[in-house]
Amino acid sequence: MKIVLLGYMASGKSAVGKVVAKKMLIPFIDLDAYIEAKEQSTISTIFKEKGEIYFRNKESECLKELLSSKNDMIISLGGGTPCYGNNMELITENSTSIYLKASINTIFERIKKETLQRPLVATIGIDNLKEFIAKHLFERSPFYESASKIANVDDKSILEISEEIITLL
């Protein structure tokens, strides 16, 4: 069984994924961490030194690798992963996908303090952040909404979201 958690950055994919994996007694893999280990570099550095296209190709390659594995696992994706190449097709065919749906305000509140750690928002600035999130969510929603299941994360704890996901499965 492969469970893929997708959604916008700061929607809680990694935090929730770890809890669900522990409760279900199956491995958890954060796709970004997996890529960093394979590339022996951080996502930020890969973006800076090799560019987004290189990163997106590597991301697709690693996703395909994980989804074709025989092992059960929970995979948390980067926010953009479902939107590139045929990633969403691969996810749909090879896993149960769950969209962690967060509102613009929830996302804004979560990432405004950590913009420097997130390559795509590091250069935007706090004043333009909400508009950036809204635009990105609008563009990415068709991909996210095609997930097998949807869990709304607004005003819920990691534990509450984790329990909801286990119930959805």
C-alpha atoms as a PDB file:
ATOM      1  CA  MET A   1       0.000   0.000   0.000  1.00  0.00           C
ATOM      2  CA  LYS A   2       1.274   3.442  -0.981  1.00  0.00           C
ATOM      3  CA  ILE A   3      -0.297   6.514   0.583  1.00  0.00           C
ATOM      4  CA  VAL A   4       0.729   9.831  -0.929  1.00  0.00           C
ATOM      5  CA  LEU A   5       0.118  13.099   0.921  1.00  0.00           C
ATOM      6  CA  LEU A   6      -0.050  16.143  -1.297  1.00  0.00           C
ATOM      7  CA  GLY A   7      -0.931  19.794  -0.920  1.00  0.00           C
ATOM      8  CA  TYR A   8       0.563  23.251  -0.815  1.00  0.00           C
ATOM      9  CA  MET A   9       3.682  24.002   1.194  1.00  0.00           C
ATOM     10  CA  ALA A  10       3.022  24.233   4.950  1.00  0.00           C
ATOM     11  CA  SER A  11      -0.174  22.193   4.720  1.00  0.00           C
ATOM     12  CA  GLY A  12       1.346  19.660   7.132  1.00  0.00           C
ATOM     13  CA  LYS A  13       2.259  16.824   4.770  1.00  0.00           C
ATOM     14  CA  SER A  14       5.481  15.809   6.533  1.00  0.00           C
ATOM     15  CA  ALA A  15       4.290  16.330  10.104  1.00  0.00           C
ATOM     16  CA  VAL A  16       1.042  14.437   9.482  1.00  0.00           C
ATOM     17  CA  GLY A  17       2.767  11.758   7.389  1.00  0.00           C
ATOM     18  CA  LYS A  18       5.138  10.871  10.227  1.00  0.00           C
ATOM     19  CA  VAL A  19       2.252  10.446  12.682  1.00  0.00           C
ATOM     20  CA  VAL A  20       0.105   8.396  10.289  1.00  0.00           C
ATOM     21  CA  ALA A  21       3.073   6.159   9.413  1.00  0.00           C
ATOM     22  CA  LYS A  22       3.820   5.550  13.082  1.00  0.00           C
ATOM     23  CA  LYS A  23       0.182   4.683  13.824  1.00  0.00           C
ATOM     24  CA  MET A  24      -0.040   2.382  10.788  1.00  0.00           C
ATOM     25  CA  LEU A  25       3.402   0.871  11.421  1.00  0.00           C
ATOM     26  CA  ILE A  26       4.688   1.547   7.912  1.00  0.00           C
ATOM     27  CA  PRO A  27       7.676   3.635   6.755  1.00  0.00           C
ATOM     28  CA  PHE A  28       7.383   7.361   6.114  1.00  0.00           C
ATOM     29  CA  ILE A  29       9.328   9.022   3.309  1.00  0.00           C
ATOM     30  CA  ASP A  30       9.515  12.750   2.716  1.00  0.00           C
ATOM     31  CA  LEU A  31      10.186  13.106  -1.025  1.00  0.00           C
ATOM     32  CA  ASP A  32      12.286  16.259  -0.559  1.00  0.00           C
ATOM     33  CA  ALA A  33      14.471  14.537   2.074  1.00  0.00           C
ATOM     34  CA  TYR A  34      14.781  11.511  -0.229  1.00  0.00           C
ATOM     35  CA  ILE A  35      15.960  13.763  -3.084  1.00  0.00           C
ATOM     36  CA  GLU A  36      18.401  15.571  -0.781  1.00  0.00           C
ATOM     37  CA  ALA A  37      19.911  12.252   0.317  1.00  0.00           C
ATOM     38  CA  LYS A  38      20.267  11.022  -3.283  1.00  0.00           C
ATOM     39  CA  GLU A  39      21.714  14.323  -4.507  1.00  0.00           C
ATOM     40  CA  GLN A  40      23.767  14.910  -1.340  1.00  0.00           C
ATOM     41  CA  SER A  41      22.573  18.505  -1.428  1.00  0.00           C
ATOM     42  CA  THR A  42      19.712  20.595  -0.058  1.00  0.00           C
ATOM     43  CA  ILE A  43      16.664  21.454  -2.173  1.00  0.00           C
ATOM     44  CA  SER A  44      17.612  25.162  -1.907  1.00  0.00           C
ATOM     45  CA  THR A  45      21.107  24.442  -3.207  1.00  0.00           C
ATOM     46  CA  ILE A  46      19.803  22.254  -6.036  1.00  0.00           C
ATOM     47  CA  PHE A  47      17.444  25.094  -7.071  1.00  0.00           C
ATOM     48  CA  LYS A  48      20.261  27.670  -6.904  1.00  0.00           C
ATOM     49  CA  GLU A  49      22.985  25.636  -8.599  1.00  0.00           C
ATOM     50  CA  LYS A  50      21.110  23.441 -11.072  1.00  0.00           C
ATOM     51  CA  GLY A  51      17.762  25.198 -11.527  1.00  0.00           C
ATOM     52  CA  GLU A  52      14.122  24.269 -11.139  1.00  0.00           C
ATOM     53  CA  ILE A  53      13.946  22.142 -14.312  1.00  0.00           C
ATOM     54  CA  TYR A  54      16.769  19.892 -13.086  1.00  0.00           C
ATOM     55  CA  PHE A  55      15.054  19.642  -9.703  1.00  0.00           C
ATOM     56  CA  ARG A  56      11.640  18.790 -11.217  1.00  0.00           C
ATOM     57  CA  ASN A  57      13.208  16.039 -13.356  1.00  0.00           C
ATOM     58  CA  LYS A  58      14.993  14.586 -10.331  1.00  0.00           C
ATOM     59  CA  GLU A  59      11.764  14.850  -8.320  1.00  0.00           C
ATOM     60  CA  SER A  60       9.811  12.865 -10.958  1.00  0.00           C
ATOM     61  CA  GLU A  61      12.546  10.246 -11.155  1.00  0.00           C
ATOM     62  CA  CYS A  62      12.576   9.771  -7.353  1.00  0.00           C
ATOM     63  CA  LEU A  63       8.762   9.697  -7.152  1.00  0.00           C
ATOM     64  CA  LYS A  64       8.642   6.984  -9.840  1.00  0.00           C
ATOM     65  CA  GLU A  65      11.283   5.013  -7.934  1.00  0.00           C
ATOM     66  CA  LEU A  66       9.312   5.149  -4.668  1.00  0.00           C
ATOM     67  CA  LEU A  67       5.956   4.360  -6.268  1.00  0.00           C
ATOM     68  CA  SER A  68       7.392   1.323  -8.076  1.00  0.00           C
ATOM     69  CA  SER A  69       8.844  -0.092  -4.852  1.00  0.00           C
ATOM     70  CA  LYS A  70       7.213  -3.249  -3.493  1.00  0.00           C
ATOM     71  CA  ASN A  71       7.178  -1.829   0.050  1.00  0.00           C
ATOM     72  CA  ASP A  72       4.260  -0.187   1.823  1.00  0.00           C
ATOM     73  CA  MET A  73       4.939   3.454   2.647  1.00  0.00           C
ATOM     74  CA  ILE A  74       3.565   6.901   3.233  1.00  0.00           C
ATOM     75  CA  ILE A  75       5.138   9.534   0.999  1.00  0.00           C
ATOM     76  CA  SER A  76       4.832  13.262   1.542  1.00  0.00           C
ATOM     77  CA  LEU A  77       5.394  15.287  -1.611  1.00  0.00           C
ATOM     78  CA  GLY A  78       6.720  18.752  -2.228  1.00  0.00           C
ATOM     79  CA  GLY A  79       3.941  21.261  -2.926  1.00  0.00           C
ATOM     80  CA  GLY A  80       4.660  21.377  -6.661  1.00  0.00           C
ATOM     81  CA  THR A  81       5.290  17.669  -7.246  1.00  0.00           C
ATOM     82  CA  PRO A  82       1.777  16.750  -8.515  1.00  0.00           C
ATOM     83  CA  CYS A  83       1.812  19.652 -10.984  1.00  0.00           C
ATOM     84  CA  TYR A  84       4.780  18.638 -13.139  1.00  0.00           C
ATOM     85  CA  GLY A  85       5.290  16.051 -15.860  1.00  0.00           C
ATOM     86  CA  ASN A  86       2.967  13.103 -15.482  1.00  0.00           C
ATOM     87  CA  ASN A  87       3.450  12.954 -11.701  1.00  0.00           C
ATOM     88  CA  MET A  88      -0.257  13.150 -10.840  1.00  0.00           C
ATOM     89  CA  GLU A  89      -0.969  10.329 -13.282  1.00  0.00           C
ATOM     90  CA  LEU A  90       1.713   8.178 -11.609  1.00  0.00           C
ATOM     91  CA  ILE A  91       0.346   9.029  -8.163  1.00  0.00           C
ATOM     92  CA  THR A  92      -3.237   8.183  -9.180  1.00  0.00           C
ATOM     93  CA  GLU A  93      -2.250   4.858 -10.758  1.00  0.00           C
ATOM     94  CA  ASN A  94       0.070   3.688  -7.976  1.00  0.00           C
ATOM     95  CA  SER A  95      -1.266   4.985  -4.670  1.00  0.00           C
ATOM     96  CA  THR A  96      -4.071   6.335  -2.564  1.00  0.00           C
ATOM     97  CA  SER A  97      -3.533  10.083  -2.609  1.00  0.00           C
ATOM     98  CA  ILE A  98      -4.770  12.474   0.042  1.00  0.00           C
ATOM     99  CA  TYR A  99      -4.901  16.230  -0.454  1.00  0.00           C
ATOM    100  CA  LEU A 100      -4.239  18.136   2.769  1.00  0.00           C
ATOM    101  CA  LYS A 101      -6.351  21.169   1.952  1.00  0.00           C
ATOM    102  CA  ALA A 102      -5.401  24.378   3.736  1.00  0.00           C
ATOM    103  CA  SER A 103      -6.827  27.874   3.247  1.00  0.00           C
ATOM    104  CA  ILE A 104      -4.723  30.801   2.049  1.00  0.00           C
ATOM    105  CA  ASN A 105      -4.777  32.274   5.572  1.00  0.00           C
ATOM    106  CA  THR A 106      -3.632  29.021   7.194  1.00  0.00           C
ATOM    107  CA  ILE A 107      -0.756  28.693   4.735  1.00  0.00           C
ATOM    108  CA  PHE A 108       0.206  32.361   5.093  1.00  0.00           C
ATOM    109  CA  GLU A 109       0.306  32.160   8.895  1.00  0.00           C
ATOM    110  CA  ARG A 110       2.439  29.015   8.774  1.00  0.00           C
ATOM    111  CA  ILE A 111       5.040  30.174   6.256  1.00  0.00           C
ATOM    112  CA  LYS A 112       5.428  33.874   6.964  1.00  0.00           C
ATOM    113  CA  LYS A 113       8.001  33.075   9.662  1.00  0.00           C
ATOM    114  CA  GLU A 114      10.055  30.711   7.545  1.00  0.00           C
ATOM    115  CA  THR A 115      10.219  32.224   4.070  1.00  0.00           C
ATOM    116  CA  LEU A 116      14.017  31.915   3.918  1.00  0.00           C
ATOM    117  CA  GLN A 117      13.886  28.097   4.209  1.00  0.00           C
ATOM    118  CA  ARG A 118      11.471  27.783   1.307  1.00  0.00           C
ATOM    119  CA  PRO A 119      13.163  28.342  -2.068  1.00  0.00           C
ATOM    120  CA  LEU A 120      10.055  29.406  -3.968  1.00  0.00           C
ATOM    121  CA  VAL A 121       9.019  32.092  -1.461  1.00  0.00           C
ATOM    122  CA  ALA A 122      12.408  33.254  -0.171  1.00  0.00           C
ATOM    123  CA  THR A 123      12.564  36.159  -2.620  1.00  0.00           C
ATOM    124  CA  ILE A 124       8.921  37.247  -2.504  1.00  0.00           C
ATOM    125  CA  GLY A 125       8.749  39.197   0.735  1.00  0.00           C
ATOM    126  CA  ILE A 126       6.013  39.200   3.365  1.00  0.00           C
ATOM    127  CA  ASP A 127       3.976  41.959   1.649  1.00  0.00           C
ATOM    128  CA  ASN A 128       3.473  39.904  -1.514  1.00  0.00           C
ATOM    129  CA  LEU A 129       3.224  36.496   0.141  1.00  0.00           C
ATOM    130  CA  LYS A 130      -0.565  36.187   0.437  1.00  0.00           C
ATOM    131  CA  GLU A 131      -1.094  37.113  -3.211  1.00  0.00           C
ATOM    132  CA  PHE A 132       1.646  34.661  -4.238  1.00  0.00           C
ATOM    133  CA  ILE A 133      -0.012  31.853  -2.234  1.00  0.00           C
ATOM    134  CA  ALA A 134      -3.441  32.659  -3.711  1.00  0.00           C
ATOM    135  CA  LYS A 135      -2.095  32.617  -7.285  1.00  0.00           C
ATOM    136  CA  HIS A 136      -0.163  29.379  -6.731  1.00  0.00           C
ATOM    137  CA  LEU A 137      -3.135  27.666  -5.068  1.00  0.00           C
ATOM    138  CA  PHE A 138      -5.368  28.695  -7.958  1.00  0.00           C
ATOM    139  CA  GLU A 139      -2.894  27.180 -10.462  1.00  0.00           C
ATOM    140  CA  ARG A 140      -2.265  24.000  -8.463  1.00  0.00           C
ATOM    141  CA  SER A 141      -5.794  23.278  -7.196  1.00  0.00           C
ATOM    142  CA  PRO A 142      -6.870  21.215 -10.235  1.00  0.00           C
ATOM    143  CA  PHE A 143      -3.980  18.813  -9.522  1.00  0.00           C
ATOM    144  CA  TYR A 144      -4.556  18.726  -5.764  1.00  0.00           C
ATOM    145  CA  GLU A 145      -8.318  18.292  -6.137  1.00  0.00           C
ATOM    146  CA  SER A 146      -7.807  15.186  -8.283  1.00  0.00           C
ATOM    147  CA  ALA A 147      -6.446  13.297  -5.251  1.00  0.00           C
ATOM    148  CA  SER A 148      -8.335  10.166  -4.160  1.00  0.00           C
ATOM    149  CA  LYS A 149      -9.368  11.822  -0.893  1.00  0.00           C
ATOM    150  CA  ILE A 150      -9.354  15.301   0.654  1.00  0.00           C
ATOM    151  CA  ALA A 151      -8.713  16.237   4.278  1.00  0.00           C
ATOM    152  CA  ASN A 152      -9.290  19.835   5.359  1.00  0.00           C
ATOM    153  CA  VAL A 153      -6.503  20.894   7.747  1.00  0.00           C
ATOM    154  CA  ASP A 154      -7.663  24.363   8.836  1.00  0.00           C
ATOM    155  CA  ASP A 155      -7.897  24.759  12.623  1.00  0.00           C
ATOM    156  CA  LYS A 156      -6.962  21.120  13.279  1.00  0.00           C
ATOM    157  CA  SER A 157      -4.017  19.640  15.159  1.00  0.00           C
ATOM    158  CA  ILE A 158      -1.564  17.210  13.571  1.00  0.00           C
ATOM    159  CA  LEU A 159      -3.140  14.428  15.625  1.00  0.00           C
ATOM    160  CA  GLU A 160      -6.681  15.334  14.509  1.00  0.00           C
ATOM    161  CA  ILE A 161      -5.633  15.410  10.845  1.00  0.00           C
ATOM    162  CA  SER A 162      -3.750  12.106  11.244  1.00  0.00           C
ATOM    163  CA  GLU A 163      -6.781  10.399  12.746  1.00  0.00           C
ATOM    164  CA  GLU A 164      -8.993  11.783   9.984  1.00  0.00           C
ATOM    165  CA  ILE A 165      -6.635  10.380   7.346  1.00  0.00           C
ATOM    166  CA  ILE A 166      -6.595   6.948   8.946  1.00  0.00           C
ATOM    167  CA  THR A 167     -10.411   7.042   8.970  1.00  0.00           C
ATOM    168  CA  LEU A 168     -10.447   8.053   5.277  1.00  0.00           C
ATOM    169  CA  LEU A 169      -8.329   5.025   4.408  1.00  0.00           C
END
